[in-house]
Amino acid sequence: MATDAKRQPGSSIKPLAVYGPAINAGLINYSSLVNDEPVSNWKAGKPGPANWDNKYHGIITVEKALEQSYNAASVQVDKLLTANVSFNFLREKL
């Protein structure tokens, strides 16, 4: 059963914690373009995060980033926000 799976919640959290607040703030919409490329200092100075397919896809739409659950694209969108904006959105809206 899906509820019994022992997986990280990342793919479920990204729409709520990253894309939701960015759309709510008017920073993006489904057709906005985002760069699915690694962040240079992700962990211990190494680039990341990796996507599920271990590839980066360059400039794509937010719709495609959400559809494919690309991690790197969501980090690029998150850079438009702050951790506080994301946290407050989750606390106040959900």
N, C-alpha and C. Protein backbone atom coordinates (compact mmCIF):
# COMPACT_ATOMS: atom_id res chain seq x y z
N MET A 1 0.82 -1.19 0.00
CA MET A 1 0.00 0.00 0.00
C MET A 1 0.87 1.25 0.00
N ALA A 2 0.39 2.28 -0.64
CA ALA A 2 1.15 3.54 -0.72
C ALA A 2 1.42 4.12 0.66
N THR A 3 0.49 3.96 1.57
CA THR A 3 0.67 4.53 2.92
C THR A 3 1.68 3.75 3.74
N ASP A 4 2.05 2.57 3.29
CA ASP A 4 3.02 1.75 4.01
C ASP A 4 4.45 1.95 3.50
N ALA A 5 4.61 2.67 2.41
CA ALA A 5 5.94 2.86 1.82
C ALA A 5 6.82 3.69 2.75
N LYS A 6 8.07 3.29 2.85
CA LYS A 6 9.03 4.02 3.67
C LYS A 6 9.92 4.85 2.75
N ARG A 7 9.37 5.98 2.31
CA ARG A 7 10.07 6.87 1.39
C ARG A 7 10.13 8.27 1.96
N GLN A 8 11.06 9.04 1.45
CA GLN A 8 11.15 10.44 1.82
C GLN A 8 9.94 11.19 1.25
N PRO A 9 9.47 12.22 1.94
CA PRO A 9 8.26 12.92 1.49
C PRO A 9 8.50 14.03 0.47
N GLY A 10 9.70 14.14 -0.06
CA GLY A 10 10.06 15.26 -0.92
C GLY A 10 9.11 15.56 -2.06
N SER A 11 8.71 14.54 -2.80
CA SER A 11 7.82 14.78 -3.94
C SER A 11 6.45 15.26 -3.52
N SER A 12 6.05 14.94 -2.31
CA SER A 12 4.76 15.42 -1.78
C SER A 12 4.89 16.82 -1.22
N ILE A 13 6.04 17.16 -0.70
CA ILE A 13 6.26 18.44 -0.02
C ILE A 13 6.54 19.57 -1.01
N LYS A 14 7.24 19.29 -2.10
CA LYS A 14 7.61 20.35 -3.05
C LYS A 14 6.43 21.19 -3.53
N PRO A 15 5.31 20.58 -3.94
CA PRO A 15 4.19 21.43 -4.38
C PRO A 15 3.64 22.30 -3.26
N LEU A 16 3.67 21.81 -2.04
CA LEU A 16 3.12 22.55 -0.90
C LEU A 16 4.07 23.61 -0.36
N ALA A 17 5.34 23.26 -0.24
CA ALA A 17 6.30 24.15 0.42
C ALA A 17 7.06 25.07 -0.52
N VAL A 18 7.12 24.74 -1.80
CA VAL A 18 7.88 25.55 -2.76
C VAL A 18 6.96 26.19 -3.79
N TYR A 19 6.29 25.36 -4.57
CA TYR A 19 5.49 25.89 -5.68
C TYR A 19 4.26 26.65 -5.18
N GLY A 20 3.59 26.14 -4.15
CA GLY A 20 2.41 26.82 -3.60
C GLY A 20 2.69 28.24 -3.16
N PRO A 21 3.69 28.45 -2.30
CA PRO A 21 3.99 29.82 -1.87
C PRO A 21 4.44 30.72 -3.02
N ALA A 22 5.20 30.17 -3.97
CA ALA A 22 5.67 30.99 -5.09
C ALA A 22 4.51 31.41 -5.99
N ILE A 23 3.56 30.52 -6.21
CA ILE A 23 2.37 30.87 -6.99
C ILE A 23 1.53 31.88 -6.22
N ASN A 24 1.35 31.63 -4.93
CA ASN A 24 0.56 32.53 -4.08
C ASN A 24 1.15 33.94 -4.07
N ALA A 25 2.47 34.04 -4.09
CA ALA A 25 3.15 35.34 -4.06
C ALA A 25 3.20 35.99 -5.45
N GLY A 26 2.72 35.30 -6.46
CA GLY A 26 2.74 35.85 -7.81
C GLY A 26 4.10 35.79 -8.47
N LEU A 27 5.01 34.98 -7.94
CA LEU A 27 6.36 34.88 -8.49
C LEU A 27 6.42 33.97 -9.71
N ILE A 28 5.55 32.97 -9.75
CA ILE A 28 5.51 32.02 -10.86
C ILE A 28 4.06 31.65 -11.17
N ASN A 29 3.88 31.03 -12.34
CA ASN A 29 2.63 30.36 -12.67
C ASN A 29 3.02 29.09 -13.44
N TYR A 30 2.03 28.33 -13.88
CA TYR A 30 2.34 27.04 -14.49
C TYR A 30 3.20 27.15 -15.75
N SER A 31 3.13 28.28 -16.45
CA SER A 31 3.91 28.42 -17.68
C SER A 31 5.22 29.20 -17.49
N SER A 32 5.52 29.60 -16.27
CA SER A 32 6.79 30.28 -16.00
C SER A 32 7.95 29.34 -16.32
N LEU A 33 9.07 29.93 -16.71
CA LEU A 33 10.26 29.14 -17.01
C LEU A 33 11.17 29.11 -15.80
N VAL A 34 11.74 27.94 -15.57
CA VAL A 34 12.67 27.74 -14.46
C VAL A 34 13.85 26.93 -14.98
N ASN A 35 15.02 27.16 -14.39
CA ASN A 35 16.23 26.48 -14.83
C ASN A 35 16.46 25.23 -13.99
N ASP A 36 16.32 24.08 -14.61
CA ASP A 36 16.57 22.81 -13.93
C ASP A 36 18.06 22.50 -14.03
N GLU A 37 18.83 23.20 -13.23
CA GLU A 37 20.28 23.04 -13.17
C GLU A 37 20.70 22.98 -11.71
N PRO A 38 21.84 22.35 -11.42
CA PRO A 38 22.26 22.23 -10.02
C PRO A 38 22.66 23.56 -9.41
N VAL A 39 22.52 23.64 -8.10
CA VAL A 39 23.00 24.77 -7.33
C VAL A 39 24.46 24.47 -6.99
N SER A 40 25.34 25.45 -7.12
CA SER A 40 26.78 25.18 -7.00
C SER A 40 27.21 24.72 -5.61
N ASN A 41 26.67 25.28 -4.56
CA ASN A 41 27.07 24.88 -3.21
C ASN A 41 25.92 24.19 -2.49
N TRP A 42 25.53 23.04 -2.98
CA TRP A 42 24.38 22.35 -2.42
C TRP A 42 24.73 21.69 -1.08
N LYS A 43 25.65 20.74 -1.09
CA LYS A 43 26.07 20.06 0.13
C LYS A 43 27.59 19.95 0.12
N ALA A 44 28.19 20.46 1.16
CA ALA A 44 29.65 20.40 1.31
C ALA A 44 30.36 20.94 0.07
N GLY A 45 29.81 22.01 -0.51
CA GLY A 45 30.42 22.64 -1.66
C GLY A 45 30.20 21.93 -2.98
N LYS A 46 29.47 20.83 -2.96
CA LYS A 46 29.22 20.08 -4.19
C LYS A 46 27.90 20.53 -4.82
N PRO A 47 27.78 20.44 -6.14
CA PRO A 47 26.54 20.84 -6.80
C PRO A 47 25.42 19.82 -6.56
N GLY A 48 24.21 20.30 -6.63
CA GLY A 48 23.05 19.42 -6.46
C GLY A 48 21.81 20.25 -6.33
N PRO A 49 20.70 19.71 -6.04
CA PRO A 49 20.45 18.29 -5.80
C PRO A 49 20.27 17.53 -7.11
N ALA A 50 20.39 16.23 -7.03
CA ALA A 50 20.17 15.39 -8.20
C ALA A 50 18.68 15.22 -8.44
N ASN A 51 18.32 15.03 -9.66
CA ASN A 51 16.95 14.66 -10.01
C ASN A 51 16.82 13.14 -10.00
N TRP A 52 15.61 12.65 -10.00
CA TRP A 52 15.36 11.21 -9.95
C TRP A 52 16.01 10.46 -11.12
N ASP A 53 16.16 11.13 -12.26
CA ASP A 53 16.75 10.49 -13.43
C ASP A 53 18.25 10.78 -13.57
N ASN A 54 18.81 11.45 -12.56
CA ASN A 54 20.24 11.82 -12.56
C ASN A 54 20.65 12.65 -13.76
N LYS A 55 19.70 13.45 -14.28
CA LYS A 55 19.97 14.37 -15.38
C LYS A 55 19.41 15.74 -15.03
N TYR A 56 19.93 16.76 -15.70
CA TYR A 56 19.38 18.11 -15.59
C TYR A 56 18.81 18.47 -16.95
N HIS A 57 17.77 19.29 -16.96
CA HIS A 57 16.99 19.49 -18.17
C HIS A 57 16.94 20.93 -18.67
N GLY A 58 17.77 21.79 -18.09
CA GLY A 58 17.84 23.17 -18.57
C GLY A 58 16.57 23.96 -18.31
N ILE A 59 16.24 24.85 -19.21
CA ILE A 59 15.07 25.71 -19.06
C ILE A 59 13.81 24.91 -19.38
N ILE A 60 12.93 24.81 -18.39
CA ILE A 60 11.66 24.08 -18.54
C ILE A 60 10.55 24.90 -17.89
N THR A 61 9.31 24.53 -18.16
CA THR A 61 8.19 25.21 -17.51
C THR A 61 8.00 24.68 -16.09
N VAL A 62 7.37 25.49 -15.27
CA VAL A 62 7.01 25.06 -13.92
C VAL A 62 6.12 23.81 -14.01
N GLU A 63 5.22 23.81 -14.99
CA GLU A 63 4.34 22.65 -15.17
C GLU A 63 5.16 21.37 -15.35
N LYS A 64 6.18 21.41 -16.20
CA LYS A 64 7.04 20.24 -16.45
C LYS A 64 7.83 19.88 -15.20
N ALA A 65 8.34 20.88 -14.49
CA ALA A 65 9.10 20.63 -13.26
C ALA A 65 8.24 19.92 -12.22
N LEU A 66 6.99 20.36 -12.08
CA LEU A 66 6.07 19.71 -11.15
C LEU A 66 5.69 18.31 -11.62
N GLU A 67 5.38 18.20 -12.90
CA GLU A 67 4.96 16.92 -13.47
C GLU A 67 6.03 15.86 -13.27
N GLN A 68 7.29 16.24 -13.47
CA GLN A 68 8.40 15.30 -13.37
C GLN A 68 9.06 15.28 -11.98
N SER A 69 8.61 16.15 -11.10
CA SER A 69 9.13 16.24 -9.73
C SER A 69 10.65 16.45 -9.71
N TYR A 70 11.12 17.38 -10.54
CA TYR A 70 12.55 17.65 -10.61
C TYR A 70 13.00 18.44 -9.38
N ASN A 71 13.98 17.90 -8.68
CA ASN A 71 14.49 18.53 -7.47
C ASN A 71 15.24 19.82 -7.75
N ALA A 72 16.09 19.80 -8.76
CA ALA A 72 16.91 20.99 -9.05
C ALA A 72 16.04 22.19 -9.41
N ALA A 73 15.01 21.97 -10.19
CA ALA A 73 14.11 23.07 -10.56
C ALA A 73 13.39 23.62 -9.34
N SER A 74 12.99 22.74 -8.43
CA SER A 74 12.29 23.23 -7.23
C SER A 74 13.21 24.05 -6.34
N VAL A 75 14.49 23.72 -6.31
CA VAL A 75 15.45 24.52 -5.54
C VAL A 75 15.60 25.90 -6.18
N GLN A 76 15.60 25.95 -7.50
CA GLN A 76 15.69 27.25 -8.18
C GLN A 76 14.47 28.12 -7.86
N VAL A 77 13.28 27.52 -7.82
CA VAL A 77 12.08 28.26 -7.45
C VAL A 77 12.17 28.69 -5.99
N ASP A 78 12.64 27.79 -5.14
CA ASP A 78 12.75 28.10 -3.71
C ASP A 78 13.70 29.27 -3.46
N LYS A 79 14.69 29.45 -4.32
CA LYS A 79 15.61 30.58 -4.17
C LYS A 79 14.90 31.91 -4.35
N LEU A 80 13.74 31.91 -5.03
CA LEU A 80 12.95 33.14 -5.18
C LEU A 80 12.25 33.50 -3.87
N LEU A 81 12.05 32.51 -3.03
CA LEU A 81 11.39 32.69 -1.73
C LEU A 81 12.44 32.79 -0.64
N THR A 82 12.01 32.64 0.58
CA THR A 82 12.91 32.41 1.70
C THR A 82 12.31 31.27 2.50
N ALA A 83 13.09 30.70 3.38
CA ALA A 83 12.57 29.62 4.23
C ALA A 83 11.39 30.12 5.05
N ASN A 84 11.44 31.37 5.50
CA ASN A 84 10.34 31.92 6.30
C ASN A 84 9.05 32.03 5.50
N VAL A 85 9.14 32.45 4.24
CA VAL A 85 7.94 32.56 3.41
C VAL A 85 7.31 31.18 3.23
N SER A 86 8.13 30.19 2.95
CA SER A 86 7.65 28.83 2.78
C SER A 86 7.01 28.31 4.06
N PHE A 87 7.70 28.48 5.17
CA PHE A 87 7.19 28.01 6.46
C PHE A 87 5.88 28.70 6.82
N ASN A 88 5.84 30.00 6.66
CA ASN A 88 4.61 30.74 7.00
C ASN A 88 3.45 30.33 6.11
N PHE A 89 3.71 30.08 4.84
CA PHE A 89 2.65 29.61 3.94
C PHE A 89 2.09 28.28 4.44
N LEU A 90 2.97 27.36 4.78
CA LEU A 90 2.53 26.06 5.27
C LEU A 90 1.74 26.20 6.57
N ARG A 91 2.22 27.03 7.46
CA ARG A 91 1.56 27.20 8.76
C ARG A 91 0.21 27.89 8.62
N GLU A 92 0.13 28.90 7.78
CA GLU A 92 -1.08 29.71 7.69
C GLU A 92 -2.12 29.18 6.70
N LYS A 93 -1.69 28.51 5.66
CA LYS A 93 -2.61 28.11 4.60
C LYS A 93 -3.04 26.64 4.67
N LEU A 94 -2.25 25.81 5.34
CA LEU A 94 -2.58 24.38 5.35
C LEU A 94 -3.01 23.91 6.71
